[in-house]
Structure formats: structure tokens, C-alpha cells
Amino acid sequence: MNDTALQSALALTAAMLAAADADAWDEVAALAARRHACLQAALGGDAWRLRSQVVQDLRHILAADRQLAERASAARRQATSALRELRGGTRMQDVYAANAALG
């Protein structure tokens, strides 16, 4: 068990949550890739001999992942809604412009 790699994974998890709060989803993805490498290093070798603190840290990471998934889903819904509103506004402008040209 590589405790340094696990601590790095925890720090990256916190950074991922902060990036999600800022709607910086590209940064979340980049941090997730770095965290994945840390987790692979942390759980290599004798990972089956996990101490209770390690198990607790891994549970924290999994809980954060659930939060990130919920936030990403909410952001996707908001983006979809904003896109629909934008498309609707564009259509209204087109109708207005067409009516103005006729009138």
C-alpha cells in the first residue's frame, strides 16, 4: 500500500470537487485521470491488506465520486436547458425578423 499515493488521490478528489463547484468540467476530467493513476499506485501490491483508515479514505473517495456524478448530471441538465432557451430565442428572433421584413 502506497500511503503517499493515497493521500495524493484524496487531495485530487478535493480538487475535483472544487473544480466541479466552479463548473470547470475539463479540469475535473484532467484531475480524475491523475487521481486514477494515484489510486492504481496506492492499491498495487498488497492492497488486499487494507487498514481501516485506508478503507475509510477509499469510502470518502467513493462518496465524492457520487457527489461529482450528481453535480455533473445537474450541470448537464442546466446546459441542456440553457441550449433549449437559446434555440427558442433564436427562433423568436427569426420570426420577428421575418415579420418585420414583411411589414
N, C-alpha and C. Protein backbone atom coordinates (compact mmCIF):
# COMPACT_ATOMS: atom_id res chain seq x y z
N MET A 1 0.85 -1.18 0.00
CA MET A 1 0.00 0.00 0.00
C MET A 1 0.89 1.23 0.00
N ASN A 2 0.65 2.11 -0.92
CA ASN A 2 1.41 3.35 -1.05
C ASN A 2 0.58 4.48 -0.44
N ASP A 3 0.90 4.83 0.82
CA ASP A 3 0.12 5.86 1.52
C ASP A 3 0.25 7.23 0.88
N THR A 4 1.42 7.54 0.34
CA THR A 4 1.62 8.84 -0.32
C THR A 4 0.70 8.97 -1.53
N ALA A 5 0.60 7.91 -2.30
CA ALA A 5 -0.28 7.93 -3.47
C ALA A 5 -1.73 8.07 -3.05
N LEU A 6 -2.10 7.42 -1.95
CA LEU A 6 -3.48 7.53 -1.47
C LEU A 6 -3.77 8.95 -1.00
N GLN A 7 -2.83 9.57 -0.30
CA GLN A 7 -3.02 10.95 0.14
C GLN A 7 -3.12 11.89 -1.07
N SER A 8 -2.34 11.62 -2.09
CA SER A 8 -2.44 12.41 -3.33
C SER A 8 -3.81 12.24 -3.97
N ALA A 9 -4.32 11.01 -3.96
CA ALA A 9 -5.65 10.75 -4.52
C ALA A 9 -6.72 11.51 -3.74
N LEU A 10 -6.58 11.56 -2.42
CA LEU A 10 -7.54 12.31 -1.61
C LEU A 10 -7.47 13.81 -1.93
N ALA A 11 -6.26 14.33 -2.07
CA ALA A 11 -6.10 15.75 -2.40
C ALA A 11 -6.68 16.05 -3.79
N LEU A 12 -6.45 15.15 -4.73
CA LEU A 12 -7.01 15.34 -6.07
C LEU A 12 -8.53 15.25 -6.05
N THR A 13 -9.08 14.41 -5.18
CA THR A 13 -10.54 14.32 -5.05
C THR A 13 -11.10 15.65 -4.57
N ALA A 14 -10.45 16.26 -3.58
CA ALA A 14 -10.90 17.57 -3.09
C ALA A 14 -10.79 18.62 -4.20
N ALA A 15 -9.73 18.56 -4.98
CA ALA A 15 -9.57 19.50 -6.10
C ALA A 15 -10.65 19.27 -7.16
N MET A 16 -11.03 18.03 -7.37
CA MET A 16 -12.09 17.72 -8.33
C MET A 16 -13.41 18.33 -7.88
N LEU A 17 -13.71 18.21 -6.59
CA LEU A 17 -14.95 18.79 -6.07
C LEU A 17 -14.94 20.31 -6.22
N ALA A 18 -13.80 20.94 -5.94
CA ALA A 18 -13.69 22.39 -6.09
C ALA A 18 -13.86 22.79 -7.55
N ALA A 19 -13.28 22.04 -8.45
CA ALA A 19 -13.43 22.33 -9.88
C ALA A 19 -14.88 22.15 -10.32
N ALA A 20 -15.54 21.14 -9.79
CA ALA A 20 -16.96 20.94 -10.12
C ALA A 20 -17.79 22.11 -9.62
N ASP A 21 -17.47 22.62 -8.43
CA ASP A 21 -18.18 23.79 -7.91
C ASP A 21 -18.04 24.99 -8.84
N ALA A 22 -16.89 25.06 -9.52
CA ALA A 22 -16.63 26.17 -10.44
C ALA A 22 -17.08 25.85 -11.87
N ASP A 23 -17.78 24.73 -12.05
CA ASP A 23 -18.23 24.28 -13.37
C ASP A 23 -17.06 24.13 -14.35
N ALA A 24 -15.91 23.74 -13.84
CA ALA A 24 -14.71 23.53 -14.67
C ALA A 24 -14.60 22.05 -14.97
N TRP A 25 -15.46 21.56 -15.84
CA TRP A 25 -15.58 20.12 -16.06
C TRP A 25 -14.38 19.53 -16.80
N ASP A 26 -13.72 20.31 -17.64
CA ASP A 26 -12.50 19.82 -18.28
C ASP A 26 -11.41 19.58 -17.23
N GLU A 27 -11.35 20.49 -16.25
CA GLU A 27 -10.38 20.33 -15.17
C GLU A 27 -10.72 19.12 -14.32
N VAL A 28 -12.01 18.90 -14.06
CA VAL A 28 -12.43 17.72 -13.30
C VAL A 28 -11.94 16.45 -14.01
N ALA A 29 -12.11 16.40 -15.31
CA ALA A 29 -11.69 15.22 -16.07
C ALA A 29 -10.18 15.03 -16.01
N ALA A 30 -9.42 16.12 -16.13
CA ALA A 30 -7.95 16.01 -16.06
C ALA A 30 -7.51 15.55 -14.68
N LEU A 31 -8.13 16.10 -13.64
CA LEU A 31 -7.80 15.69 -12.27
C LEU A 31 -8.17 14.24 -12.03
N ALA A 32 -9.28 13.81 -12.61
CA ALA A 32 -9.72 12.42 -12.44
C ALA A 32 -8.70 11.45 -13.03
N ALA A 33 -8.13 11.82 -14.16
CA ALA A 33 -7.11 10.95 -14.77
C ALA A 33 -5.88 10.85 -13.87
N ARG A 34 -5.46 11.98 -13.31
CA ARG A 34 -4.31 11.96 -12.39
C ARG A 34 -4.64 11.15 -11.14
N ARG A 35 -5.87 11.31 -10.64
CA ARG A 35 -6.27 10.57 -9.44
C ARG A 35 -6.31 9.08 -9.70
N HIS A 36 -6.76 8.70 -10.89
CA HIS A 36 -6.82 7.28 -11.24
C HIS A 36 -5.42 6.66 -11.15
N ALA A 37 -4.43 7.36 -11.66
CA ALA A 37 -3.05 6.86 -11.59
C ALA A 37 -2.59 6.74 -10.14
N CYS A 38 -2.95 7.69 -9.31
CA CYS A 38 -2.58 7.63 -7.88
C CYS A 38 -3.25 6.43 -7.21
N LEU A 39 -4.51 6.20 -7.53
CA LEU A 39 -5.21 5.07 -6.92
C LEU A 39 -4.61 3.75 -7.37
N GLN A 40 -4.21 3.67 -8.63
CA GLN A 40 -3.56 2.45 -9.09
C GLN A 40 -2.27 2.20 -8.32
N ALA A 41 -1.50 3.26 -8.09
CA ALA A 41 -0.26 3.12 -7.33
C ALA A 41 -0.55 2.78 -5.87
N ALA A 42 -1.58 3.41 -5.31
CA ALA A 42 -1.91 3.19 -3.90
C ALA A 42 -2.38 1.77 -3.64
N LEU A 43 -3.09 1.21 -4.59
CA LEU A 43 -3.71 -0.10 -4.37
C LEU A 43 -2.92 -1.24 -4.98
N GLY A 44 -1.74 -0.96 -5.48
CA GLY A 44 -0.91 -2.02 -6.05
C GLY A 44 -0.29 -2.88 -4.96
N GLY A 45 0.20 -4.02 -5.35
CA GLY A 45 0.91 -4.89 -4.40
C GLY A 45 0.00 -5.55 -3.39
N ASP A 46 0.21 -5.22 -2.13
CA ASP A 46 -0.53 -5.88 -1.05
C ASP A 46 -1.82 -5.14 -0.69
N ALA A 47 -2.51 -4.63 -1.68
CA ALA A 47 -3.72 -3.84 -1.44
C ALA A 47 -4.80 -4.63 -0.72
N TRP A 48 -4.75 -5.93 -0.80
CA TRP A 48 -5.78 -6.73 -0.15
C TRP A 48 -5.66 -6.64 1.36
N ARG A 49 -4.56 -6.10 1.88
CA ARG A 49 -4.36 -5.93 3.32
C ARG A 49 -4.68 -4.49 3.71
N LEU A 50 -5.85 -4.07 3.45
CA LEU A 50 -6.22 -2.68 3.71
C LEU A 50 -6.48 -2.44 5.19
N ARG A 51 -5.87 -1.39 5.71
CA ARG A 51 -6.12 -0.98 7.09
C ARG A 51 -7.44 -0.21 7.14
N SER A 52 -8.00 -0.10 8.32
CA SER A 52 -9.31 0.56 8.45
C SER A 52 -9.26 2.01 7.98
N GLN A 53 -8.16 2.72 8.22
CA GLN A 53 -8.06 4.11 7.76
C GLN A 53 -8.06 4.18 6.23
N VAL A 54 -7.41 3.23 5.61
CA VAL A 54 -7.38 3.19 4.14
C VAL A 54 -8.78 2.93 3.60
N VAL A 55 -9.47 2.00 4.21
CA VAL A 55 -10.85 1.70 3.79
C VAL A 55 -11.71 2.94 3.95
N GLN A 56 -11.54 3.67 5.05
CA GLN A 56 -12.31 4.89 5.28
C GLN A 56 -11.97 5.94 4.22
N ASP A 57 -10.69 6.08 3.89
CA ASP A 57 -10.29 7.03 2.84
C ASP A 57 -10.90 6.66 1.50
N LEU A 58 -10.90 5.38 1.19
CA LEU A 58 -11.50 4.93 -0.08
C LEU A 58 -13.00 5.17 -0.10
N ARG A 59 -13.65 5.00 1.04
CA ARG A 59 -15.09 5.31 1.12
C ARG A 59 -15.33 6.79 0.87
N HIS A 60 -14.44 7.63 1.40
CA HIS A 60 -14.55 9.07 1.18
C HIS A 60 -14.44 9.38 -0.31
N ILE A 61 -13.50 8.74 -0.98
CA ILE A 61 -13.32 8.95 -2.42
C ILE A 61 -14.56 8.51 -3.18
N LEU A 62 -15.13 7.38 -2.81
CA LEU A 62 -16.34 6.90 -3.49
C LEU A 62 -17.51 7.84 -3.25
N ALA A 63 -17.64 8.37 -2.02
CA ALA A 63 -18.72 9.32 -1.73
C ALA A 63 -18.53 10.59 -2.56
N ALA A 64 -17.29 11.05 -2.68
CA ALA A 64 -17.02 12.23 -3.50
C ALA A 64 -17.36 11.96 -4.96
N ASP A 65 -17.07 10.76 -5.43
CA ASP A 65 -17.42 10.40 -6.81
C ASP A 65 -18.92 10.46 -7.03
N ARG A 66 -19.69 10.02 -6.05
CA ARG A 66 -21.15 10.11 -6.18
C ARG A 66 -21.57 11.58 -6.26
N GLN A 67 -20.97 12.44 -5.43
CA GLN A 67 -21.28 13.87 -5.49
C GLN A 67 -20.91 14.45 -6.85
N LEU A 68 -19.74 14.08 -7.34
CA LEU A 68 -19.31 14.59 -8.65
C LEU A 68 -20.26 14.15 -9.75
N ALA A 69 -20.71 12.91 -9.70
CA ALA A 69 -21.65 12.42 -10.71
C ALA A 69 -22.96 13.19 -10.64
N GLU A 70 -23.44 13.48 -9.43
CA GLU A 70 -24.67 14.24 -9.28
C GLU A 70 -24.49 15.66 -9.81
N ARG A 71 -23.35 16.28 -9.48
CA ARG A 71 -23.09 17.65 -9.96
C ARG A 71 -22.94 17.69 -11.47
N ALA A 72 -22.28 16.71 -12.03
CA ALA A 72 -22.12 16.66 -13.49
C ALA A 72 -23.48 16.50 -14.16
N SER A 73 -24.32 15.67 -13.58
CA SER A 73 -25.66 15.47 -14.13
C SER A 73 -26.47 16.76 -14.06
N ALA A 74 -26.38 17.46 -12.93
CA ALA A 74 -27.10 18.72 -12.79
C ALA A 74 -26.57 19.76 -13.78
N ALA A 75 -25.26 19.81 -13.95
CA ALA A 75 -24.67 20.76 -14.91
C ALA A 75 -25.10 20.43 -16.33
N ARG A 76 -25.18 19.16 -16.64
CA ARG A 76 -25.62 18.74 -17.98
C ARG A 76 -27.07 19.15 -18.20
N ARG A 77 -27.91 18.96 -17.17
CA ARG A 77 -29.32 19.38 -17.30
C ARG A 77 -29.42 20.89 -17.49
N GLN A 78 -28.62 21.65 -16.74
CA GLN A 78 -28.65 23.11 -16.87
C GLN A 78 -28.19 23.54 -18.26
N ALA A 79 -27.14 22.91 -18.75
CA ALA A 79 -26.64 23.25 -20.09
C ALA A 79 -27.68 22.92 -21.15
N THR A 80 -28.35 21.79 -20.99
CA THR A 80 -29.39 21.41 -21.94
C THR A 80 -30.53 22.41 -21.92
N SER A 81 -30.93 22.83 -20.72
CA SER A 81 -32.00 23.81 -20.58
C SER A 81 -31.60 25.15 -21.20
N ALA A 82 -30.37 25.58 -20.93
CA ALA A 82 -29.90 26.84 -21.50
C ALA A 82 -29.84 26.78 -23.01
N LEU A 83 -29.43 25.65 -23.55
CA LEU A 83 -29.37 25.49 -25.00
C LEU A 83 -30.77 25.54 -25.61
N ARG A 84 -31.72 24.91 -24.93
CA ARG A 84 -33.11 24.96 -25.42
C ARG A 84 -33.63 26.39 -25.43
N GLU A 85 -33.34 27.13 -24.34
CA GLU A 85 -33.78 28.52 -24.28
C GLU A 85 -33.13 29.35 -25.37
N LEU A 86 -31.85 29.11 -25.60
CA LEU A 86 -31.13 29.84 -26.65
C LEU A 86 -31.72 29.54 -28.02
N ARG A 87 -31.99 28.28 -28.27
CA ARG A 87 -32.59 27.90 -29.56
C ARG A 87 -33.96 28.53 -29.71
N GLY A 88 -34.74 28.54 -28.63
CA GLY A 88 -36.06 29.16 -28.67
C GLY A 88 -35.95 30.65 -28.94
N GLY A 89 -34.98 31.31 -28.31
CA GLY A 89 -34.77 32.74 -28.53
C GLY A 89 -34.35 33.03 -29.96
N THR A 90 -33.53 32.19 -30.52
CA THR A 90 -33.10 32.35 -31.91
C THR A 90 -34.28 32.21 -32.85
N ARG A 91 -35.13 31.24 -32.57
CA ARG A 91 -36.32 31.06 -33.42
C ARG A 91 -37.23 32.28 -33.33
N MET A 92 -37.38 32.84 -32.13
CA MET A 92 -38.23 34.02 -31.97
C MET A 92 -37.63 35.21 -32.74
N GLN A 93 -36.31 35.34 -32.71
CA GLN A 93 -35.68 36.42 -33.47
C GLN A 93 -35.91 36.24 -34.96
N ASP A 94 -35.83 35.01 -35.43
CA ASP A 94 -36.06 34.73 -36.85
C ASP A 94 -37.48 35.09 -37.25
N VAL A 95 -38.45 34.72 -36.41
CA VAL A 95 -39.86 35.04 -36.69
C VAL A 95 -40.06 36.54 -36.69
N TYR A 96 -39.48 37.22 -35.70
CA TYR A 96 -39.61 38.67 -35.62
C TYR A 96 -38.99 39.34 -36.85
N ALA A 97 -37.81 38.87 -37.23
CA ALA A 97 -37.14 39.45 -38.40
C ALA A 97 -37.96 39.22 -39.67
N ALA A 98 -38.54 38.03 -39.80
CA ALA A 98 -39.36 37.72 -40.97
C ALA A 98 -40.59 38.60 -41.00
N ASN A 99 -41.23 38.79 -39.85
CA ASN A 99 -42.42 39.64 -39.78
C ASN A 99 -42.07 41.10 -40.03
N ALA A 100 -40.92 41.54 -39.54
CA ALA A 100 -40.50 42.92 -39.76
C ALA A 100 -40.23 43.18 -41.24
N ALA A 101 -39.67 42.18 -41.90
CA ALA A 101 -39.38 42.33 -43.34
C ALA A 101 -40.68 42.41 -44.14
N LEU A 102 -41.71 41.71 -43.67
CA LEU A 102 -42.99 41.73 -44.39
C LEU A 102 -43.77 43.00 -44.11
N GLY A 103 -43.61 43.53 -42.92
CA GLY A 103 -44.43 44.65 -42.52
C GLY A 103 -43.85 45.94 -42.84
